[in-house]
Amino acid sequence: MAYWSHKKHSLESWDYFVNKLDCDTLLFQESYPNYDILDKNKLVWNEIGNSRPWGSGVYSKKHKIKELNFNNNFFGAVTASEITISDELDLIVISLYGLFEKISNVIYATPNLHRILSDLTGILQSNKTKNRVIIGGDYNVSIQIDLDPR
């Protein structure tokens, strides 16, 4: 949602996502929740911190949600939740933002994405969770982004 450059549109953006689109579940990155629109009890959100007063989160308007804690070295860039869809189904929903880092004067998100996926291995491989995981977000990875500039 590019919070740092679009915060003046926060209210209208959240209203559009939550009320006009009427999403059951919303995964969001680069954002700060607008509590005039969002119900705190339906939200799992974490700030990245330092120079970034924004982060990633999951909002579930229609289902029970709780934070899923794991060994997360990218707190705020990755936020995991467990959403109860029915008595028989709980989903693990993960909102992921691919943080950039500079390596040899080139900026990449791919190395951090590999580290994030390593942190998520326990969730992705566990017999309790592996068949009910949804990961979405702004990975900042593509063949166009990661082209060698030389």
C-alpha atoms as a PDB file:
ATOM      1  CA  MET A   1       0.000   0.000   0.000  1.00  0.00           C
ATOM      2  CA  ALA A   2       3.090   2.250  -0.074  1.00  0.00           C
ATOM      3  CA  TYR A   3       2.222   3.847   3.266  1.00  0.00           C
ATOM      4  CA  TRP A   4       5.119   6.328   3.215  1.00  0.00           C
ATOM      5  CA  SER A   5       3.932   7.933  -0.044  1.00  0.00           C
ATOM      6  CA  HIS A   6       0.179   7.387   0.135  1.00  0.00           C
ATOM      7  CA  LYS A   7      -0.731   7.832   3.805  1.00  0.00           C
ATOM      8  CA  LYS A   8      -3.034  10.748   2.938  1.00  0.00           C
ATOM      9  CA  HIS A   9      -5.212   8.178   1.136  1.00  0.00           C
ATOM     10  CA  SER A  10      -5.287   5.750   4.062  1.00  0.00           C
ATOM     11  CA  LEU A  11      -8.966   6.149   4.957  1.00  0.00           C
ATOM     12  CA  GLU A  12     -10.235   5.823   1.385  1.00  0.00           C
ATOM     13  CA  SER A  13      -7.880   2.895   0.650  1.00  0.00           C
ATOM     14  CA  TRP A  14      -8.959   0.900   3.679  1.00  0.00           C
ATOM     15  CA  ASP A  15     -12.613   1.729   3.033  1.00  0.00           C
ATOM     16  CA  TYR A  16     -12.243   0.448  -0.529  1.00  0.00           C
ATOM     17  CA  PHE A  17     -10.561  -2.824   0.498  1.00  0.00           C
ATOM     18  CA  VAL A  18     -12.726  -3.614   3.500  1.00  0.00           C
ATOM     19  CA  ASN A  19     -16.134  -2.205   2.570  1.00  0.00           C
ATOM     20  CA  LYS A  20     -16.358  -1.883  -1.197  1.00  0.00           C
ATOM     21  CA  LEU A  21     -14.442  -5.043  -2.165  1.00  0.00           C
ATOM     22  CA  ASP A  22     -15.819  -6.764   0.931  1.00  0.00           C
ATOM     23  CA  CYS A  23     -12.834  -9.128   1.152  1.00  0.00           C
ATOM     24  CA  ASP A  24     -13.148 -12.092   3.500  1.00  0.00           C
ATOM     25  CA  THR A  25      -9.419 -11.926   4.167  1.00  0.00           C
ATOM     26  CA  LEU A  26      -6.952  -9.234   3.182  1.00  0.00           C
ATOM     27  CA  LEU A  27      -3.164  -9.624   3.125  1.00  0.00           C
ATOM     28  CA  PHE A  28      -1.408  -6.271   3.090  1.00  0.00           C
ATOM     29  CA  GLN A  29       2.174  -5.007   3.019  1.00  0.00           C
ATOM     30  CA  GLU A  30       3.915  -1.639   3.266  1.00  0.00           C
ATOM     31  CA  SER A  31       1.001  -0.392   5.309  1.00  0.00           C
ATOM     32  CA  TYR A  32      -0.232   0.957   8.597  1.00  0.00           C
ATOM     33  CA  PRO A  33      -3.720  -0.075   9.744  1.00  0.00           C
ATOM     34  CA  ASN A  34      -6.404   2.583   9.844  1.00  0.00           C
ATOM     35  CA  TYR A  35      -8.352   1.860  13.017  1.00  0.00           C
ATOM     36  CA  ASP A  36     -11.219   4.099  11.942  1.00  0.00           C
ATOM     37  CA  ILE A  37     -12.038   1.378   9.394  1.00  0.00           C
ATOM     38  CA  LEU A  38     -10.472  -1.802  10.805  1.00  0.00           C
ATOM     39  CA  ASP A  39     -11.632  -3.828  13.799  1.00  0.00           C
ATOM     40  CA  LYS A  40      -8.509  -4.544  15.914  1.00  0.00           C
ATOM     41  CA  ASN A  41      -9.936  -7.937  16.882  1.00  0.00           C
ATOM     42  CA  LYS A  42      -9.939  -9.025  13.232  1.00  0.00           C
ATOM     43  CA  LEU A  43      -6.356  -7.919  12.565  1.00  0.00           C
ATOM     44  CA  VAL A  44      -2.859  -9.325  12.905  1.00  0.00           C
ATOM     45  CA  TRP A  45      -0.277  -6.677  11.998  1.00  0.00           C
ATOM     46  CA  ASN A  46       3.368  -6.048  12.815  1.00  0.00           C
ATOM     47  CA  GLU A  47       5.530  -3.014  12.165  1.00  0.00           C
ATOM     48  CA  ILE A  48       8.942  -3.526  10.587  1.00  0.00           C
ATOM     49  CA  GLY A  49      10.333  -0.743  12.735  1.00  0.00           C
ATOM     50  CA  ASN A  50      13.447   1.439  12.643  1.00  0.00           C
ATOM     51  CA  SER A  51      12.938   3.837   9.733  1.00  0.00           C
ATOM     52  CA  ARG A  52       9.777   1.990   8.643  1.00  0.00           C
ATOM     53  CA  PRO A  53       6.686   2.819  10.731  1.00  0.00           C
ATOM     54  CA  TRP A  54       4.735   0.432   8.510  1.00  0.00           C
ATOM     55  CA  GLY A  55       4.616  -3.325   8.112  1.00  0.00           C
ATOM     56  CA  SER A  56       2.632  -6.338   6.964  1.00  0.00           C
ATOM     57  CA  GLY A  57      -0.581  -7.845   8.176  1.00  0.00           C
ATOM     58  CA  VAL A  58      -3.640  -9.973   7.688  1.00  0.00           C
ATOM     59  CA  TYR A  59      -7.202  -8.757   8.190  1.00  0.00           C
ATOM     60  CA  SER A  60     -10.111 -11.180   8.332  1.00  0.00           C
ATOM     61  CA  LYS A  61     -13.426  -9.396   8.410  1.00  0.00           C
ATOM     62  CA  LYS A  62     -15.575 -12.527   8.542  1.00  0.00           C
ATOM     63  CA  HIS A  63     -13.480 -15.137  10.383  1.00  0.00           C
ATOM     64  CA  LYS A  64     -11.770 -15.553  13.740  1.00  0.00           C
ATOM     65  CA  ILE A  65      -8.055 -14.671  13.487  1.00  0.00           C
ATOM     66  CA  LYS A  66      -5.054 -14.989  15.759  1.00  0.00           C
ATOM     67  CA  GLU A  67      -1.332 -14.415  15.336  1.00  0.00           C
ATOM     68  CA  LEU A  68       0.814 -17.434  14.554  1.00  0.00           C
ATOM     69  CA  ASN A  69       4.243 -17.071  16.117  1.00  0.00           C
ATOM     70  CA  PHE A  70       7.322 -18.727  14.626  1.00  0.00           C
ATOM     71  CA  ASN A  71      11.079 -18.117  14.487  1.00  0.00           C
ATOM     72  CA  ASN A  72      10.746 -14.974  12.373  1.00  0.00           C
ATOM     73  CA  ASN A  73      13.915 -13.031  11.578  1.00  0.00           C
ATOM     74  CA  PHE A  74      11.903 -10.638   9.408  1.00  0.00           C
ATOM     75  CA  PHE A  75       9.316  -9.467  11.947  1.00  0.00           C
ATOM     76  CA  GLY A  76       6.981  -6.942  10.347  1.00  0.00           C
ATOM     77  CA  ALA A  77       8.030  -7.896   6.842  1.00  0.00           C
ATOM     78  CA  VAL A  78       6.400 -11.274   7.483  1.00  0.00           C
ATOM     79  CA  THR A  79       3.252 -11.657   9.546  1.00  0.00           C
ATOM     80  CA  ALA A  80       1.569 -15.027  10.027  1.00  0.00           C
ATOM     81  CA  SER A  81      -1.945 -15.703  11.244  1.00  0.00           C
ATOM     82  CA  GLU A  82      -4.290 -18.600  11.758  1.00  0.00           C
ATOM     83  CA  ILE A  83      -7.826 -18.053  10.528  1.00  0.00           C
ATOM     84  CA  THR A  84     -10.741 -20.266  11.531  1.00  0.00           C
ATOM     85  CA  ILE A  85     -12.855 -20.774   8.416  1.00  0.00           C
ATOM     86  CA  SER A  86     -15.079 -23.469   9.950  1.00  0.00           C
ATOM     87  CA  ASP A  87     -15.027 -26.049  12.749  1.00  0.00           C
ATOM     88  CA  GLU A  88     -13.133 -28.345  10.364  1.00  0.00           C
ATOM     89  CA  LEU A  89     -10.758 -25.851   8.756  1.00  0.00           C
ATOM     90  CA  ASP A  90      -8.120 -23.455  10.062  1.00  0.00           C
ATOM     91  CA  LEU A  91      -5.909 -21.776   7.458  1.00  0.00           C
ATOM     92  CA  ILE A  92      -2.417 -20.411   7.972  1.00  0.00           C
ATOM     93  CA  VAL A  93      -2.310 -17.071   6.145  1.00  0.00           C
ATOM     94  CA  ILE A  94       1.026 -15.310   5.751  1.00  0.00           C
ATOM     95  CA  SER A  95       1.540 -11.760   4.511  1.00  0.00           C
ATOM     96  CA  LEU A  96       5.057 -11.299   3.146  1.00  0.00           C
ATOM     97  CA  TYR A  97       7.030  -8.254   2.053  1.00  0.00           C
ATOM     98  CA  GLY A  98      10.344  -8.898   0.297  1.00  0.00           C
ATOM     99  CA  LEU A  99      12.865  -6.585   1.941  1.00  0.00           C
ATOM    100  CA  PHE A 100      15.627  -5.284  -0.296  1.00  0.00           C
ATOM    101  CA  GLU A 101      19.300  -5.519   0.590  1.00  0.00           C
ATOM    102  CA  LYS A 102      22.439  -4.296  -1.148  1.00  0.00           C
ATOM    103  CA  ILE A 103      24.998  -6.894  -2.245  1.00  0.00           C
ATOM    104  CA  SER A 104      28.049  -5.718  -4.224  1.00  0.00           C
ATOM    105  CA  ASN A 105      26.318  -2.430  -5.060  1.00  0.00           C
ATOM    106  CA  VAL A 106      23.252  -4.194  -6.467  1.00  0.00           C
ATOM    107  CA  ILE A 107      19.918  -4.166  -4.631  1.00  0.00           C
ATOM    108  CA  TYR A 108      18.121  -7.507  -4.348  1.00  0.00           C
ATOM    109  CA  ALA A 109      15.144  -8.948  -2.480  1.00  0.00           C
ATOM    110  CA  THR A 110      15.832 -12.551  -3.533  1.00  0.00           C
ATOM    111  CA  PRO A 111      18.406 -13.393  -0.792  1.00  0.00           C
ATOM    112  CA  ASN A 112      16.025 -12.133   1.901  1.00  0.00           C
ATOM    113  CA  LEU A 113      13.154 -14.047   0.317  1.00  0.00           C
ATOM    114  CA  HIS A 114      15.243 -17.225   0.600  1.00  0.00           C
ATOM    115  CA  ARG A 115      15.886 -16.448   4.287  1.00  0.00           C
ATOM    116  CA  ILE A 116      12.183 -15.770   4.874  1.00  0.00           C
ATOM    117  CA  LEU A 117      11.233 -19.096   3.301  1.00  0.00           C
ATOM    118  CA  SER A 118      13.833 -20.793   5.494  1.00  0.00           C
ATOM    119  CA  ASP A 119      12.196 -19.221   8.562  1.00  0.00           C
ATOM    120  CA  LEU A 120       8.832 -20.577   7.327  1.00  0.00           C
ATOM    121  CA  THR A 121      10.116 -24.132   6.781  1.00  0.00           C
ATOM    122  CA  GLY A 122       8.614 -25.433  10.028  1.00  0.00           C
ATOM    123  CA  ILE A 123       5.163 -24.176   9.035  1.00  0.00           C
ATOM    124  CA  LEU A 124       5.465 -25.323   5.421  1.00  0.00           C
ATOM    125  CA  GLN A 125       6.670 -28.837   6.336  1.00  0.00           C
ATOM    126  CA  SER A 126       4.705 -29.620   9.486  1.00  0.00           C
ATOM    127  CA  ASN A 127       2.063 -32.320   9.100  1.00  0.00           C
ATOM    128  CA  LYS A 128      -0.268 -30.065  11.109  1.00  0.00           C
ATOM    129  CA  THR A 129      -0.005 -27.093   8.750  1.00  0.00           C
ATOM    130  CA  LYS A 130       1.604 -27.889   5.377  1.00  0.00           C
ATOM    131  CA  ASN A 131      -1.611 -28.490   3.422  1.00  0.00           C
ATOM    132  CA  ARG A 132      -3.403 -25.386   4.587  1.00  0.00           C
ATOM    133  CA  VAL A 133      -0.979 -22.496   4.051  1.00  0.00           C
ATOM    134  CA  ILE A 134      -1.604 -19.398   1.938  1.00  0.00           C
ATOM    135  CA  ILE A 135       1.297 -16.994   1.369  1.00  0.00           C
ATOM    136  CA  GLY A 136       0.741 -13.747  -0.468  1.00  0.00           C
ATOM    137  CA  GLY A 137       2.410 -10.437  -0.692  1.00  0.00           C
ATOM    138  CA  ASP A 138       4.832  -8.096  -2.330  1.00  0.00           C
ATOM    139  CA  TYR A 139       7.887 -10.273  -2.894  1.00  0.00           C
ATOM    140  CA  ASN A 140       9.824  -7.630  -4.878  1.00  0.00           C
ATOM    141  CA  VAL A 141      11.212 -10.465  -6.990  1.00  0.00           C
ATOM    142  CA  SER A 142      10.953 -10.933 -10.719  1.00  0.00           C
ATOM    143  CA  ILE A 143      13.240 -11.665 -13.609  1.00  0.00           C
ATOM    144  CA  GLN A 144      13.043  -7.967 -14.490  1.00  0.00           C
ATOM    145  CA  ILE A 145      14.032  -6.692 -11.030  1.00  0.00           C
ATOM    146  CA  ASP A 146      16.943  -9.081 -10.576  1.00  0.00           C
ATOM    147  CA  LEU A 147      18.625  -8.479 -13.938  1.00  0.00           C
ATOM    148  CA  ASP A 148      22.348  -7.796 -13.578  1.00  0.00           C
ATOM    149  CA  PRO A 149      22.721  -4.056 -14.360  1.00  0.00           C
ATOM    150  CA  ARG A 150      26.137  -4.494 -15.975  1.00  0.00           C
END
